[in-house]
């Protein structure tokens, strides 16, 4: 179908923000330096990572920097409350991904949505 499926494993960091932010920065550099534009289907694993205001700020900043590489985006493993906080921040910064980001509990469902096998979930 063209493009790439790119999982970003930001889950299982619990409260270790320093390590999480280091991984986010490394992924960011890799994606920015990769070829292509608007060609990545990205799912972000957030299971077992504590998501607070600081993490949301870093995540949104990260997404803004790599936006030109993103075709589809979904976040996997965050609670409905965290989803609401992320959506609120996206809307506040007028991020166009606000309208197209999808949220899933199941990584397999997220992958199927990303590659177009299902139209909509969540």
PDB file of N, CA and C in Angstrom:
ATOM      1  N   UNK A   1       0.817  -1.202   0.000  1.00  0.00           N
ATOM      2  CA  UNK A   1       0.000   0.000   0.000  1.00  0.00           C
ATOM      3  C   UNK A   1       0.860   1.264   0.000  1.00  0.00           C
ATOM      4  N   UNK A   2       2.173   1.120  -0.011  1.00  0.00           N
ATOM      5  CA  UNK A   2       3.058   2.276   0.007  1.00  0.00           C
ATOM      6  C   UNK A   2       3.272   2.770   1.430  1.00  0.00           C
ATOM      7  N   UNK A   3       4.340   3.468   1.631  1.00  0.00           N
ATOM      8  CA  UNK A   3       4.643   3.984   2.963  1.00  0.00           C
ATOM      9  C   UNK A   3       5.181   2.893   3.867  1.00  0.00           C
ATOM     10  N   UNK A   4       5.325   3.215   5.142  1.00  0.00           N
ATOM     11  CA  UNK A   4       5.893   2.295   6.103  1.00  0.00           C
ATOM     12  C   UNK A   4       5.059   2.277   7.366  1.00  0.00           C
ATOM     13  N   UNK A   5       4.965   1.100   7.987  1.00  0.00           N
ATOM     14  CA  UNK A   5       4.376   0.980   9.305  1.00  0.00           C
ATOM     15  C   UNK A   5       5.503   1.149  10.305  1.00  0.00           C
ATOM     16  N   UNK A   6       5.377   2.138  11.163  1.00  0.00           N
ATOM     17  CA  UNK A   6       6.467   2.468  12.071  1.00  0.00           C
ATOM     18  C   UNK A   6       5.958   2.490  13.513  1.00  0.00           C
ATOM     19  N   UNK A   7       6.244   1.410  14.282  1.00  0.00           N
ATOM     20  CA  UNK A   7       5.837   1.425  15.683  1.00  0.00           C
ATOM     21  C   UNK A   7       6.841   2.217  16.522  1.00  0.00           C
ATOM     22  N   UNK A   8       6.341   3.081  17.367  1.00  0.00           N
ATOM     23  CA  UNK A   8       7.186   3.817  18.300  1.00  0.00           C
ATOM     24  C   UNK A   8       6.892   3.262  19.688  1.00  0.00           C
ATOM     25  N   UNK A   9       7.868   2.596  20.257  1.00  0.00           N
ATOM     26  CA  UNK A   9       7.700   1.903  21.535  1.00  0.00           C
ATOM     27  C   UNK A   9       8.014   2.839  22.695  1.00  0.00           C
ATOM     28  N   UNK A  10       7.003   3.573  23.125  1.00  0.00           N
ATOM     29  CA  UNK A  10       7.152   4.477  24.263  1.00  0.00           C
ATOM     30  C   UNK A  10       6.463   3.909  25.499  1.00  0.00           C
ATOM     31  N   UNK A  11       6.123   2.642  25.443  1.00  0.00           N
ATOM     32  CA  UNK A  11       5.477   1.976  26.565  1.00  0.00           C
ATOM     33  C   UNK A  11       6.493   1.320  27.484  1.00  0.00           C
ATOM     34  N   UNK A  12       6.025   0.956  28.674  1.00  0.00           N
ATOM     35  CA  UNK A  12       6.797   0.253  29.697  1.00  0.00           C
ATOM     36  C   UNK A  12       7.930   1.080  30.300  1.00  0.00           C
ATOM     37  N   UNK A  13       7.813   2.391  30.243  1.00  0.00           N
ATOM     38  CA  UNK A  13       8.802   3.251  30.907  1.00  0.00           C
ATOM     39  C   UNK A  13       8.332   3.667  32.295  1.00  0.00           C
ATOM     40  N   UNK A  14       7.109   3.359  32.620  1.00  0.00           N
ATOM     41  CA  UNK A  14       6.519   3.687  33.923  1.00  0.00           C
ATOM     42  C   UNK A  14       6.777   5.159  34.253  1.00  0.00           C
ATOM     43  N   UNK A  15       7.566   5.453  35.273  1.00  0.00           N
ATOM     44  CA  UNK A  15       7.845   6.841  35.674  1.00  0.00           C
ATOM     45  C   UNK A  15       9.209   7.338  35.206  1.00  0.00           C
ATOM     46  N   UNK A  16       9.916   6.557  34.391  1.00  0.00           N
ATOM     47  CA  UNK A  16      11.276   6.914  33.971  1.00  0.00           C
ATOM     48  C   UNK A  16      11.236   7.878  32.776  1.00  0.00           C
ATOM     49  N   UNK A  17      10.975   9.135  33.071  1.00  0.00           N
ATOM     50  CA  UNK A  17      10.854  10.144  32.014  1.00  0.00           C
ATOM     51  C   UNK A  17      12.172  10.376  31.290  1.00  0.00           C
ATOM     52  N   UNK A  18      13.274  10.320  32.003  1.00  0.00           N
ATOM     53  CA  UNK A  18      14.576  10.571  31.377  1.00  0.00           C
ATOM     54  C   UNK A  18      14.837   9.567  30.252  1.00  0.00           C
ATOM     55  N   UNK A  19      14.603   8.291  30.530  1.00  0.00           N
ATOM     56  CA  UNK A  19      14.791   7.263  29.508  1.00  0.00           C
ATOM     57  C   UNK A  19      13.767   7.404  28.383  1.00  0.00           C
ATOM     58  N   UNK A  20      12.513   7.652  28.741  1.00  0.00           N
ATOM     59  CA  UNK A  20      11.459   7.839  27.745  1.00  0.00           C
ATOM     60  C   UNK A  20      11.809   8.988  26.811  1.00  0.00           C
ATOM     61  N   UNK A  21      12.197  10.129  27.352  1.00  0.00           N
ATOM     62  CA  UNK A  21      12.509  11.293  26.528  1.00  0.00           C
ATOM     63  C   UNK A  21      13.724  11.046  25.643  1.00  0.00           C
ATOM     64  N   UNK A  22      14.682  10.253  26.127  1.00  0.00           N
ATOM     65  CA  UNK A  22      15.852   9.909  25.314  1.00  0.00           C
ATOM     66  C   UNK A  22      15.435   9.061  24.110  1.00  0.00           C
ATOM     67  N   UNK A  23      14.534   8.121  24.332  1.00  0.00           N
ATOM     68  CA  UNK A  23      14.046   7.275  23.239  1.00  0.00           C
ATOM     69  C   UNK A  23      13.231   8.107  22.253  1.00  0.00           C
ATOM     70  N   UNK A  24      12.388   8.995  22.748  1.00  0.00           N
ATOM     71  CA  UNK A  24      11.603   9.862  21.870  1.00  0.00           C
ATOM     72  C   UNK A  24      12.528  10.703  21.002  1.00  0.00           C
ATOM     73  N   UNK A  25      13.571  11.269  21.587  1.00  0.00           N
ATOM     74  CA  UNK A  25      14.521  12.102  20.840  1.00  0.00           C
ATOM     75  C   UNK A  25      15.245  11.276  19.766  1.00  0.00           C
ATOM     76  N   UNK A  26      15.658  10.064  20.122  1.00  0.00           N
ATOM     77  CA  UNK A  26      16.349   9.196  19.157  1.00  0.00           C
ATOM     78  C   UNK A  26      15.429   8.835  17.986  1.00  0.00           C
ATOM     79  N   UNK A  27      14.187   8.490  18.287  1.00  0.00           N
ATOM     80  CA  UNK A  27      13.221   8.169  17.223  1.00  0.00           C
ATOM     81  C   UNK A  27      12.972   9.387  16.339  1.00  0.00           C
ATOM     82  N   UNK A  28      12.865  10.541  16.966  1.00  0.00           N
ATOM     83  CA  UNK A  28      12.634  11.786  16.241  1.00  0.00           C
ATOM     84  C   UNK A  28      13.753  12.043  15.232  1.00  0.00           C
ATOM     85  N   UNK A  29      14.990  11.920  15.694  1.00  0.00           N
ATOM     86  CA  UNK A  29      16.142  12.135  14.808  1.00  0.00           C
ATOM     87  C   UNK A  29      16.143  11.136  13.656  1.00  0.00           C
ATOM     88  N   UNK A  30      15.832   9.869  13.963  1.00  0.00           N
ATOM     89  CA  UNK A  30      15.787   8.842  12.927  1.00  0.00           C
ATOM     90  C   UNK A  30      14.728   9.175  11.876  1.00  0.00           C
ATOM     91  N   UNK A  31      13.531   9.523  12.329  1.00  0.00           N
ATOM     92  CA  UNK A  31      12.427   9.807  11.407  1.00  0.00           C
ATOM     93  C   UNK A  31      12.713  11.051  10.573  1.00  0.00           C
ATOM     94  N   UNK A  32      13.195  12.095  11.206  1.00  0.00           N
ATOM     95  CA  UNK A  32      13.495  13.337  10.482  1.00  0.00           C
ATOM     96  C   UNK A  32      14.559  13.106   9.407  1.00  0.00           C
ATOM     97  N   UNK A  33      15.538  12.276   9.709  1.00  0.00           N
ATOM     98  CA  UNK A  33      16.620  12.021   8.757  1.00  0.00           C
ATOM     99  C   UNK A  33      16.292  10.940   7.734  1.00  0.00           C
ATOM    100  N   UNK A  34      15.119  10.327   7.833  1.00  0.00           N
ATOM    101  CA  UNK A  34      14.732   9.294   6.879  1.00  0.00           C
ATOM    102  C   UNK A  34      14.183   9.930   5.605  1.00  0.00           C
ATOM    103  N   UNK A  35      14.168   9.151   4.560  1.00  0.00           N
ATOM    104  CA  UNK A  35      13.673   9.668   3.283  1.00  0.00           C
ATOM    105  C   UNK A  35      12.148   9.701   3.270  1.00  0.00           C
ATOM    106  N   UNK A  36      11.633  10.446   2.344  1.00  0.00           N
ATOM    107  CA  UNK A  36      10.194  10.498   2.135  1.00  0.00           C
ATOM    108  C   UNK A  36       9.505  11.567   2.955  1.00  0.00           C
ATOM    109  N   UNK A  37       8.283  11.831   2.542  1.00  0.00           N
ATOM    110  CA  UNK A  37       7.459  12.833   3.213  1.00  0.00           C
ATOM    111  C   UNK A  37       6.033  12.299   3.240  1.00  0.00           C
ATOM    112  N   UNK A  38       5.383  12.444   4.377  1.00  0.00           N
ATOM    113  CA  UNK A  38       3.992  12.033   4.524  1.00  0.00           C
ATOM    114  C   UNK A  38       3.793  10.559   4.153  1.00  0.00           C
ATOM    115  N   UNK A  39       4.771   9.707   4.534  1.00  0.00           N
ATOM    116  CA  UNK A  39       4.719   8.313   4.105  1.00  0.00           C
ATOM    117  C   UNK A  39       4.686   7.304   5.256  1.00  0.00           C
ATOM    118  N   UNK A  40       4.690   7.761   6.487  1.00  0.00           N
ATOM    119  CA  UNK A  40       4.762   6.822   7.608  1.00  0.00           C
ATOM    120  C   UNK A  40       3.414   6.637   8.284  1.00  0.00           C
ATOM    121  N   UNK A  41       3.110   5.382   8.481  1.00  0.00           N
ATOM    122  CA  UNK A  41       1.938   4.994   9.262  1.00  0.00           C
ATOM    123  C   UNK A  41       2.478   4.656  10.652  1.00  0.00           C
ATOM    124  N   UNK A  42       2.211   5.519  11.616  1.00  0.00           N
ATOM    125  CA  UNK A  42       2.840   5.408  12.932  1.00  0.00           C
ATOM    126  C   UNK A  42       1.828   5.003  13.989  1.00  0.00           C
ATOM    127  N   UNK A  43       2.216   4.012  14.785  1.00  0.00           N
ATOM    128  CA  UNK A  43       1.441   3.717  15.988  1.00  0.00           C
ATOM    129  C   UNK A  43       2.387   3.841  17.161  1.00  0.00           C
ATOM    130  N   UNK A  44       1.909   4.545  18.177  1.00  0.00           N
ATOM    131  CA  UNK A  44       2.720   4.812  19.357  1.00  0.00           C
ATOM    132  C   UNK A  44       2.188   3.990  20.520  1.00  0.00           C
ATOM    133  N   UNK A  45       3.049   3.117  21.030  1.00  0.00           N
ATOM    134  CA  UNK A  45       2.751   2.269  22.175  1.00  0.00           C
ATOM    135  C   UNK A  45       2.973   3.079  23.448  1.00  0.00           C
ATOM    136  N   UNK A  46       1.922   3.251  24.240  1.00  0.00           N
ATOM    137  CA  UNK A  46       2.022   3.998  25.494  1.00  0.00           C
ATOM    138  C   UNK A  46       1.670   3.147  26.718  1.00  0.00           C
ATOM    139  N   UNK A  47       1.537   1.823  26.514  1.00  0.00           N
ATOM    140  CA  UNK A  47       1.221   0.936  27.626  1.00  0.00           C
ATOM    141  C   UNK A  47       2.261   1.064  28.729  1.00  0.00           C
ATOM    142  N   UNK A  48       1.795   1.086  29.960  1.00  0.00           N
ATOM    143  CA  UNK A  48       2.644   1.047  31.153  1.00  0.00           C
ATOM    144  C   UNK A  48       3.655   2.195  31.245  1.00  0.00           C
ATOM    145  N   UNK A  49       3.317   3.319  30.649  1.00  0.00           N
ATOM    146  CA  UNK A  49       4.098   4.539  30.834  1.00  0.00           C
ATOM    147  C   UNK A  49       3.185   5.561  31.491  1.00  0.00           C
ATOM    148  N   UNK A  50       3.687   6.198  32.518  1.00  0.00           N
ATOM    149  CA  UNK A  50       2.900   7.218  33.202  1.00  0.00           C
ATOM    150  C   UNK A  50       2.832   8.460  32.322  1.00  0.00           C
ATOM    151  N   UNK A  51       1.631   8.835  31.956  1.00  0.00           N
ATOM    152  CA  UNK A  51       1.421   9.977  31.078  1.00  0.00           C
ATOM    153  C   UNK A  51       0.894  11.142  31.908  1.00  0.00           C
ATOM    154  N   UNK A  52       1.752  12.138  32.122  1.00  0.00           N
ATOM    155  CA  UNK A  52       1.343  13.342  32.839  1.00  0.00           C
ATOM    156  C   UNK A  52       1.486  14.535  31.893  1.00  0.00           C
ATOM    157  N   UNK A  53       1.282  15.732  32.410  1.00  0.00           N
ATOM    158  CA  UNK A  53       1.338  16.930  31.570  1.00  0.00           C
ATOM    159  C   UNK A  53       2.681  17.099  30.879  1.00  0.00           C
ATOM    160  N   UNK A  54       3.776  16.804  31.573  1.00  0.00           N
ATOM    161  CA  UNK A  54       5.106  16.942  30.975  1.00  0.00           C
ATOM    162  C   UNK A  54       5.298  15.959  29.825  1.00  0.00           C
ATOM    163  N   UNK A  55       4.877  14.729  30.023  1.00  0.00           N
ATOM    164  CA  UNK A  55       4.998  13.720  28.958  1.00  0.00           C
ATOM    165  C   UNK A  55       4.136  14.121  27.764  1.00  0.00           C
ATOM    166  N   UNK A  56       2.941  14.625  28.010  1.00  0.00           N
ATOM    167  CA  UNK A  56       2.071  15.069  26.917  1.00  0.00           C
ATOM    168  C   UNK A  56       2.728  16.216  26.151  1.00  0.00           C
ATOM    169  N   UNK A  57       3.316  17.162  26.858  1.00  0.00           N
ATOM    170  CA  UNK A  57       4.016  18.283  26.199  1.00  0.00           C
ATOM    171  C   UNK A  57       5.118  17.772  25.282  1.00  0.00           C
ATOM    172  N   UNK A  58       5.929  16.853  25.782  1.00  0.00           N
ATOM    173  CA  UNK A  58       7.032  16.304  24.984  1.00  0.00           C
ATOM    174  C   UNK A  58       6.484  15.521  23.799  1.00  0.00           C
ATOM    175  N   UNK A  59       5.453  14.717  24.022  1.00  0.00           N
ATOM    176  CA  UNK A  59       4.856  13.928  22.950  1.00  0.00           C
ATOM    177  C   UNK A  59       4.289  14.824  21.850  1.00  0.00           C
ATOM    178  N   UNK A  60       3.576  15.869  22.223  1.00  0.00           N
ATOM    179  CA  UNK A  60       2.991  16.779  21.236  1.00  0.00           C
ATOM    180  C   UNK A  60       4.094  17.509  20.471  1.00  0.00           C
ATOM    181  N   UNK A  61       5.121  17.963  21.175  1.00  0.00           N
ATOM    182  CA  UNK A  61       6.253  18.610  20.507  1.00  0.00           C
ATOM    183  C   UNK A  61       6.926  17.667  19.526  1.00  0.00           C
ATOM    184  N   UNK A  62       7.068  16.427  19.932  1.00  0.00           N
ATOM    185  CA  UNK A  62       7.654  15.380  19.081  1.00  0.00           C
ATOM    186  C   UNK A  62       6.819  15.191  17.813  1.00  0.00           C
ATOM    187  N   UNK A  63       5.514  15.081  17.989  1.00  0.00           N
ATOM    188  CA  UNK A  63       4.629  14.893  16.835  1.00  0.00           C
ATOM    189  C   UNK A  63       4.651  16.102  15.904  1.00  0.00           C
ATOM    190  N   UNK A  64       4.771  17.298  16.457  1.00  0.00           N
ATOM    191  CA  UNK A  64       4.847  18.492  15.616  1.00  0.00           C
ATOM    192  C   UNK A  64       6.122  18.470  14.763  1.00  0.00           C
ATOM    193  N   UNK A  65       7.222  18.002  15.346  1.00  0.00           N
ATOM    194  CA  UNK A  65       8.491  17.969  14.610  1.00  0.00           C
ATOM    195  C   UNK A  65       8.512  16.917  13.494  1.00  0.00           C
ATOM    196  N   UNK A  66       7.796  15.819  13.701  1.00  0.00           N
ATOM    197  CA  UNK A  66       7.810  14.758  12.680  1.00  0.00           C
ATOM    198  C   UNK A  66       6.545  14.759  11.820  1.00  0.00           C
ATOM    199  N   UNK A  67       5.680  15.734  12.011  1.00  0.00           N
ATOM    200  CA  UNK A  67       4.386  15.779  11.318  1.00  0.00           C
ATOM    201  C   UNK A  67       4.521  15.603   9.805  1.00  0.00           C
ATOM    202  N   UNK A  68       5.522  16.199   9.218  1.00  0.00           N
ATOM    203  CA  UNK A  68       5.685  16.129   7.756  1.00  0.00           C
ATOM    204  C   UNK A  68       5.995  14.718   7.259  1.00  0.00           C
ATOM    205  N   UNK A  69       6.268  13.799   8.158  1.00  0.00           N
ATOM    206  CA  UNK A  69       6.546  12.409   7.788  1.00  0.00           C
ATOM    207  C   UNK A  69       5.351  11.481   8.013  1.00  0.00           C
ATOM    208  N   UNK A  70       4.309  11.979   8.681  1.00  0.00           N
ATOM    209  CA  UNK A  70       3.199  11.134   9.124  1.00  0.00           C
ATOM    210  C   UNK A  70       2.062  11.116   8.107  1.00  0.00           C
ATOM    211  N   UNK A  71       1.687   9.899   7.710  1.00  0.00           N
ATOM    212  CA  UNK A  71       0.507   9.693   6.870  1.00  0.00           C
ATOM    213  C   UNK A  71      -0.705   9.386   7.754  1.00  0.00           C
ATOM    214  N   UNK A  72      -0.558   8.421   8.641  1.00  0.00           N
ATOM    215  CA  UNK A  72      -1.593   8.054   9.611  1.00  0.00           C
ATOM    216  C   UNK A  72      -0.938   7.893  10.972  1.00  0.00           C
ATOM    217  N   UNK A  73      -1.701   8.186  12.028  1.00  0.00           N
ATOM    218  CA  UNK A  73      -1.179   8.091  13.388  1.00  0.00           C
ATOM    219  C   UNK A  73      -2.229   7.503  14.305  1.00  0.00           C
ATOM    220  N   UNK A  74      -1.797   6.573  15.161  1.00  0.00           N
ATOM    221  CA  UNK A  74      -2.667   6.111  16.228  1.00  0.00           C
ATOM    222  C   UNK A  74      -1.856   5.920  17.502  1.00  0.00           C
ATOM    223  N   UNK A  75      -2.522   6.129  18.619  1.00  0.00           N
ATOM    224  CA  UNK A  75      -1.930   5.948  19.933  1.00  0.00           C
ATOM    225  C   UNK A  75      -2.582   4.731  20.558  1.00  0.00           C
ATOM    226  N   UNK A  76      -1.755   3.871  21.125  1.00  0.00           N
ATOM    227  CA  UNK A  76      -2.236   2.601  21.650  1.00  0.00           C
ATOM    228  C   UNK A  76      -1.899   2.496  23.135  1.00  0.00           C
ATOM    229  N   UNK A  77      -2.902   2.166  23.926  1.00  0.00           N
ATOM    230  CA  UNK A  77      -2.653   1.840  25.318  1.00  0.00           C
ATOM    231  C   UNK A  77      -2.769   2.971  26.310  1.00  0.00           C
ATOM    232  N   UNK A  78      -3.409   4.058  25.933  1.00  0.00           N
ATOM    233  CA  UNK A  78      -3.610   5.121  26.923  1.00  0.00           C
ATOM    234  C   UNK A  78      -5.078   5.129  27.352  1.00  0.00           C
ATOM    235  N   UNK A  79      -5.294   5.510  28.571  1.00  0.00           N
ATOM    236  CA  UNK A  79      -6.639   5.508  29.138  1.00  0.00           C
ATOM    237  C   UNK A  79      -7.514   6.569  28.455  1.00  0.00           C
ATOM    238  N   UNK A  80      -8.818   6.439  28.578  1.00  0.00           N
ATOM    239  CA  UNK A  80      -9.700   7.482  28.027  1.00  0.00           C
ATOM    240  C   UNK A  80      -9.383   8.874  28.590  1.00  0.00           C
ATOM    241  N   UNK A  81      -9.012   8.942  29.862  1.00  0.00           N
ATOM    242  CA  UNK A  81      -8.658  10.230  30.461  1.00  0.00           C
ATOM    243  C   UNK A  81      -7.414  10.826  29.780  1.00  0.00           C
ATOM    244  N   UNK A  82      -6.406  10.002  29.565  1.00  0.00           N
ATOM    245  CA  UNK A  82      -5.183  10.474  28.897  1.00  0.00           C
ATOM    246  C   UNK A  82      -5.494  10.857  27.455  1.00  0.00           C
ATOM    247  N   UNK A  83      -6.339  10.090  26.783  1.00  0.00           N
ATOM    248  CA  UNK A  83      -6.751  10.443  25.427  1.00  0.00           C
ATOM    249  C   UNK A  83      -7.358  11.842  25.409  1.00  0.00           C
ATOM    250  N   UNK A  84      -8.209  12.120  26.380  1.00  0.00           N
ATOM    251  CA  UNK A  84      -8.851  13.425  26.466  1.00  0.00           C
ATOM    252  C   UNK A  84      -7.809  14.533  26.653  1.00  0.00           C
ATOM    253  N   UNK A  85      -6.819  14.294  27.510  1.00  0.00           N
ATOM    254  CA  UNK A  85      -5.760  15.288  27.740  1.00  0.00           C
ATOM    255  C   UNK A  85      -4.935  15.531  26.476  1.00  0.00           C
ATOM    256  N   UNK A  86      -4.618  14.460  25.761  1.00  0.00           N
ATOM    257  CA  UNK A  86      -3.835  14.584  24.525  1.00  0.00           C
ATOM    258  C   UNK A  86      -4.639  15.356  23.471  1.00  0.00           C
ATOM    259  N   UNK A  87      -5.905  14.987  23.317  1.00  0.00           N
ATOM    260  CA  UNK A  87      -6.761  15.688  22.356  1.00  0.00           C
ATOM    261  C   UNK A  87      -6.868  17.177  22.685  1.00  0.00           C
ATOM    262  N   UNK A  88      -7.032  17.467  23.971  1.00  0.00           N
ATOM    263  CA  UNK A  88      -7.152  18.859  24.409  1.00  0.00           C
ATOM    264  C   UNK A  88      -5.884  19.647  24.053  1.00  0.00           C
ATOM    265  N   UNK A  89      -4.721  19.042  24.292  1.00  0.00           N
ATOM    266  CA  UNK A  89      -3.462  19.724  23.985  1.00  0.00           C
ATOM    267  C   UNK A  89      -3.281  19.877  22.473  1.00  0.00           C
ATOM    268  N   UNK A  90      -3.615  18.854  21.716  1.00  0.00           N
ATOM    269  CA  UNK A  90      -3.520  18.943  20.252  1.00  0.00           C
ATOM    270  C   UNK A  90      -4.397  20.076  19.725  1.00  0.00           C
ATOM    271  N   UNK A  91      -5.604  20.151  20.250  1.00  0.00           N
ATOM    272  CA  UNK A  91      -6.526  21.186  19.802  1.00  0.00           C
ATOM    273  C   UNK A  91      -6.014  22.571  20.190  1.00  0.00           C
ATOM    274  N   UNK A  92      -5.459  22.683  21.387  1.00  0.00           N
ATOM    275  CA  UNK A  92      -4.950  23.965  21.871  1.00  0.00           C
ATOM    276  C   UNK A  92      -3.829  24.502  20.983  1.00  0.00           C
ATOM    277  N   UNK A  93      -2.950  23.612  20.515  1.00  0.00           N
ATOM    278  CA  UNK A  93      -1.838  24.049  19.663  1.00  0.00           C
ATOM    279  C   UNK A  93      -2.212  24.021  18.178  1.00  0.00           C
ATOM    280  N   UNK A  94      -3.506  23.793  17.919  1.00  0.00           N
ATOM    281  CA  UNK A  94      -4.036  23.763  16.552  1.00  0.00           C
ATOM    282  C   UNK A  94      -3.294  22.767  15.660  1.00  0.00           C
ATOM    283  N   UNK A  95      -3.075  21.604  16.191  1.00  0.00           N
ATOM    284  CA  UNK A  95      -2.396  20.533  15.476  1.00  0.00           C
ATOM    285  C   UNK A  95      -3.385  19.799  14.581  1.00  0.00           C
ATOM    286  N   UNK A  96      -3.096  19.731  13.298  1.00  0.00           N
ATOM    287  CA  UNK A  96      -4.020  19.084  12.375  1.00  0.00           C
ATOM    288  C   UNK A  96      -4.198  17.598  12.675  1.00  0.00           C
ATOM    289  N   UNK A  97      -3.245  16.972  13.338  1.00  0.00           N
ATOM    290  CA  UNK A  97      -3.379  15.563  13.703  1.00  0.00           C
ATOM    291  C   UNK A  97      -4.517  15.326  14.695  1.00  0.00           C
ATOM    292  N   UNK A  98      -4.995  16.374  15.314  1.00  0.00           N
ATOM    293  CA  UNK A  98      -6.117  16.264  16.240  1.00  0.00           C
ATOM    294  C   UNK A  98      -7.286  15.552  15.564  1.00  0.00           C
ATOM    295  N   UNK A  99      -7.537  15.874  14.317  1.00  0.00           N
ATOM    296  CA  UNK A  99      -8.692  15.343  13.597  1.00  0.00           C
ATOM    297  C   UNK A  99      -8.486  13.936  13.048  1.00  0.00           C
ATOM    298  N   UNK A 100      -7.242  13.546  12.851  1.00  0.00           N
ATOM    299  CA  UNK A 100      -7.003  12.260  12.199  1.00  0.00           C
ATOM    300  C   UNK A 100      -6.373  11.197  13.096  1.00  0.00           C
ATOM    301  N   UNK A 101      -5.965  11.551  14.291  1.00  0.00           N
ATOM    302  CA  UNK A 101      -5.369  10.571  15.195  1.00  0.00           C
ATOM    303  C   UNK A 101      -6.454   9.664  15.751  1.00  0.00           C
ATOM    304  N   UNK A 102      -6.153   8.378  15.812  1.00  0.00           N
ATOM    305  CA  UNK A 102      -7.077   7.405  16.376  1.00  0.00           C
ATOM    306  C   UNK A 102      -6.431   6.762  17.594  1.00  0.00           C
ATOM    307  N   UNK A 103      -7.270   6.280  18.494  1.00  0.00           N
ATOM    308  CA  UNK A 103      -6.827   5.706  19.760  1.00  0.00           C
ATOM    309  C   UNK A 103      -7.339   4.276  19.849  1.00  0.00           C
ATOM    310  N   UNK A 104      -6.456   3.364  20.242  1.00  0.00           N
ATOM    311  CA  UNK A 104      -6.793   1.951  20.314  1.00  0.00           C
ATOM    312  C   UNK A 104      -6.277   1.343  21.614  1.00  0.00           C
ATOM    313  N   UNK A 105      -6.955   0.294  22.059  1.00  0.00           N
ATOM    314  CA  UNK A 105      -6.464  -0.507  23.173  1.00  0.00           C
ATOM    315  C   UNK A 105      -5.644  -1.685  22.662  1.00  0.00           C
ATOM    316  N   UNK A 106      -5.954  -2.129  21.459  1.00  0.00           N
ATOM    317  CA  UNK A 106      -5.339  -3.321  20.879  1.00  0.00           C
ATOM    318  C   UNK A 106      -4.378  -2.934  19.757  1.00  0.00           C
ATOM    319  N   UNK A 107      -3.089  -3.282  19.902  1.00  0.00           N
ATOM    320  CA  UNK A 107      -2.120  -2.928  18.861  1.00  0.00           C
ATOM    321  C   UNK A 107      -2.445  -3.544  17.491  1.00  0.00           C
ATOM    322  N   UNK A 108      -3.029  -4.739  17.487  1.00  0.00           N
ATOM    323  CA  UNK A 108      -3.368  -5.372  16.207  1.00  0.00           C
ATOM    324  C   UNK A 108      -4.460  -4.591  15.485  1.00  0.00           C
ATOM    325  N   UNK A 109      -5.455  -4.118  16.223  1.00  0.00           N
ATOM    326  CA  UNK A 109      -6.513  -3.291  15.621  1.00  0.00           C
ATOM    327  C   UNK A 109      -5.906  -1.999  15.081  1.00  0.00           C
ATOM    328  N   UNK A 110      -4.963  -1.433  15.813  1.00  0.00           N
ATOM    329  CA  UNK A 110      -4.291  -0.209  15.362  1.00  0.00           C
ATOM    330  C   UNK A 110      -3.550  -0.449  14.055  1.00  0.00           C
ATOM    331  N   UNK A 111      -2.839  -1.552  13.977  1.00  0.00           N
ATOM    332  CA  UNK A 111      -2.097  -1.879  12.745  1.00  0.00           C
ATOM    333  C   UNK A 111      -3.050  -2.063  11.568  1.00  0.00           C
ATOM    334  N   UNK A 112      -4.166  -2.746  11.801  1.00  0.00           N
ATOM    335  CA  UNK A 112      -5.129  -2.946  10.719  1.00  0.00           C
ATOM    336  C   UNK A 112      -5.714  -1.619  10.245  1.00  0.00           C
ATOM    337  N   UNK A 113      -6.004  -0.717  11.175  1.00  0.00           N
ATOM    338  CA  UNK A 113      -6.509   0.598  10.776  1.00  0.00           C
ATOM    339  C   UNK A 113      -5.453   1.354   9.971  1.00  0.00           C
ATOM    340  N   UNK A 114      -4.214   1.287  10.428  1.00  0.00           N
ATOM    341  CA  UNK A 114      -3.143   2.018   9.754  1.00  0.00           C
ATOM    342  C   UNK A 114      -2.946   1.572   8.309  1.00  0.00           C
ATOM    343  N   UNK A 115      -3.098   0.295   8.060  1.00  0.00           N
ATOM    344  CA  UNK A 115      -2.891  -0.185   6.695  1.00  0.00           C
ATOM    345  C   UNK A 115      -4.190  -0.212   5.889  1.00  0.00           C
ATOM    346  N   UNK A 116      -5.256   0.296   6.501  1.00  0.00           N
ATOM    347  CA  UNK A 116      -6.493   0.476   5.750  1.00  0.00           C
ATOM    348  C   UNK A 116      -7.422  -0.702   5.709  1.00  0.00           C
ATOM    349  N   UNK A 117      -7.210  -1.716   6.554  1.00  0.00           N
ATOM    350  CA  UNK A 117      -8.089  -2.878   6.537  1.00  0.00           C
ATOM    351  C   UNK A 117      -9.402  -2.624   7.258  1.00  0.00           C
ATOM    352  N   UNK A 118      -9.409  -1.646   8.161  1.00  0.00           N
ATOM    353  CA  UNK A 118     -10.665  -1.240   8.777  1.00  0.00           C
ATOM    354  C   UNK A 118     -10.780   0.262   8.649  1.00  0.00           C
ATOM    355  N   UNK A 119     -11.965   0.730   8.485  1.00  0.00           N
ATOM    356  CA  UNK A 119     -12.191   2.153   8.227  1.00  0.00           C
ATOM    357  C   UNK A 119     -12.072   2.982   9.493  1.00  0.00           C
ATOM    358  N   UNK A 120     -12.639   2.525  10.580  1.00  0.00           N
ATOM    359  CA  UNK A 120     -12.721   3.378  11.766  1.00  0.00           C
ATOM    360  C   UNK A 120     -12.832   2.507  13.001  1.00  0.00           C
ATOM    361  N   UNK A 121     -12.253   2.946  14.072  1.00  0.00           N
ATOM    362  CA  UNK A 121     -12.365   2.337  15.378  1.00  0.00           C
ATOM    363  C   UNK A 121     -12.145   3.447  16.375  1.00  0.00           C
ATOM    364  N   UNK A 122     -12.692   3.350  17.510  1.00  0.00           N
ATOM    365  CA  UNK A 122     -12.587   4.363  18.587  1.00  0.00           C
ATOM    366  C   UNK A 122     -13.135   5.657  18.171  1.00  0.00           C
TER     367      UNK A 122
END
